[in-house]
Protein backbone atom coordinates (compact mmCIF):
# COMPACT_ATOMS: atom_id res chain seq x y z
CA UNK A 1 0.00 0.00 0.00
CA UNK A 2 2.88 2.35 0.88
CA UNK A 3 4.58 1.66 -2.43
CA UNK A 4 1.36 2.37 -4.33
CA UNK A 5 0.96 5.72 -2.53
CA UNK A 6 4.61 6.60 -3.25
CA UNK A 7 4.26 5.69 -6.92
CA UNK A 8 1.01 7.66 -7.19
CA UNK A 9 2.65 10.69 -5.51
CA UNK A 10 5.65 10.52 -7.85
CA UNK A 11 3.39 10.34 -10.91
CA UNK A 12 1.30 13.29 -9.74
CA UNK A 13 4.38 15.43 -9.00
CA UNK A 14 5.95 14.51 -12.35
CA UNK A 15 2.83 15.43 -14.28
CA UNK A 16 2.52 18.67 -12.33
CA UNK A 17 6.16 19.53 -13.04
CA UNK A 18 5.83 18.82 -16.74
CA UNK A 19 2.64 20.81 -17.15
CA UNK A 20 4.01 23.82 -15.26
CA UNK A 21 7.06 24.08 -17.53
CA UNK A 22 4.96 25.72 -20.20
CA UNK A 23 3.92 28.43 -17.75
CA UNK A 24 7.56 29.34 -17.12
CA UNK A 25 7.90 31.09 -20.47
CA UNK A 26 9.37 34.59 -20.17
CA UNK A 27 6.97 37.51 -20.01
CA UNK A 28 6.71 39.35 -23.31
CA UNK A 29 6.15 43.08 -23.18
CA UNK A 30 3.89 44.77 -25.69
CA UNK A 31 5.96 47.18 -27.79
CA UNK A 32 4.10 50.20 -29.14
CA UNK A 33 5.77 51.98 -32.06
CA UNK A 34 4.89 55.10 -33.97
CA UNK A 35 2.09 57.60 -33.37
CA UNK A 36 -0.88 56.35 -31.38
CA UNK A 37 -3.83 56.71 -33.73
CA UNK A 38 -7.13 56.86 -31.84
CA UNK A 39 -10.45 56.51 -33.66
CA UNK A 40 -11.73 59.61 -31.81
CA UNK A 41 -8.89 61.69 -33.26
CA UNK A 42 -9.49 60.43 -36.80
CA UNK A 43 -13.20 61.19 -36.39
CA UNK A 44 -12.29 64.85 -35.73
CA UNK A 45 -10.56 65.20 -39.10
CA UNK A 46 -12.50 67.38 -41.55
CA UNK A 47 -11.58 68.81 -44.92
CA UNK A 48 -10.04 72.24 -44.70
CA UNK A 49 -8.02 71.83 -41.49
CA UNK A 50 -4.61 73.48 -41.59
CA UNK A 51 -1.41 71.50 -41.08
CA UNK A 52 -1.04 73.04 -37.61
CA UNK A 53 -4.54 71.91 -36.63
CA UNK A 54 -3.89 68.39 -37.88
CA UNK A 55 -0.58 68.29 -36.02
CA UNK A 56 -2.37 69.43 -32.85
CA UNK A 57 -4.87 66.54 -33.22
CA UNK A 58 -2.52 63.74 -34.27
CA UNK A 59 0.97 64.87 -33.34
CA UNK A 60 4.01 65.12 -35.56
CA UNK A 61 3.77 62.80 -38.57
CA UNK A 62 6.10 59.84 -38.62
CA UNK A 63 6.89 60.41 -42.28
CA UNK A 64 7.07 63.91 -43.71
CA UNK A 65 8.83 63.67 -47.06
CA UNK A 66 10.46 66.75 -48.58
CA UNK A 67 9.53 65.34 -51.98
CA UNK A 68 5.82 64.96 -51.12
CA UNK A 69 5.24 68.02 -48.95
CA UNK A 70 1.47 67.72 -49.32
CA UNK A 71 1.36 64.23 -47.82
CA UNK A 72 1.78 63.17 -44.19
CA UNK A 73 1.95 59.56 -43.03
CA UNK A 74 1.28 58.24 -39.55
CA UNK A 75 2.05 54.67 -38.52
CA UNK A 76 1.25 52.77 -35.32
CA UNK A 77 2.00 49.15 -34.49
CA UNK A 78 1.65 46.90 -31.46
CA UNK A 79 4.03 43.97 -31.22
CA UNK A 80 4.25 41.29 -28.49
CA UNK A 81 7.49 39.35 -28.79
CA UNK A 82 7.87 38.60 -32.49
CA UNK A 83 4.11 38.71 -33.17
CA UNK A 84 2.54 41.84 -34.64
CA UNK A 85 -0.82 42.24 -32.88
CA UNK A 86 -2.09 45.22 -34.87
CA UNK A 87 -1.11 48.04 -37.20
CA UNK A 88 -2.69 51.31 -38.27
CA UNK A 89 -1.56 53.44 -41.20
CA UNK A 90 -3.01 56.90 -41.77
CA UNK A 91 -2.15 58.89 -44.88
CA UNK A 92 -3.21 62.54 -45.13
CA UNK A 93 -3.18 64.64 -48.28
CA UNK A 94 -3.19 68.43 -48.34
CA UNK A 95 -4.10 70.72 -51.22
CA UNK A 96 -1.88 73.52 -52.58
CA UNK A 97 -3.10 75.96 -49.91
CA UNK A 98 -1.95 73.47 -47.21
CA UNK A 99 -5.49 72.55 -46.17
CA UNK A 100 -6.49 68.95 -45.47
CA UNK A 101 -7.97 67.44 -48.62
CA UNK A 102 -8.45 63.72 -47.85
CA UNK A 103 -7.18 60.87 -45.68
CA UNK A 104 -7.05 57.09 -45.73
CA UNK A 105 -6.90 54.88 -42.62
CA UNK A 106 -5.76 51.27 -43.02
CA UNK A 107 -6.14 49.02 -40.00
CA UNK A 108 -4.78 45.50 -39.61
CA UNK A 109 -5.34 43.36 -36.54
CA UNK A 110 -4.34 39.77 -35.90
CA UNK A 111 -6.56 37.89 -33.50
């Protein structure tokens, strides 16, 4: 009877040790990169805003090309470890008088 209890205890502890190994994986921090693009901020965009007003709403654009001075690009990504959880890309176009003309928001999320 004692040997059966010992064997049962060893089996239970072994199974518990094996199953807990998977929970010992290192903690992975979410890495946020780029400009945080909130839906509330994008909803406030209207045609005719000046570049200063857009910059006040969304912050400094991530990409402001000297070649395409009438286009601003914002990018935001969330990455946990090596896995990209979500991305947002916002492209704004301005007319010749530097007023907001149109914008495109592309959103990708991996679930």
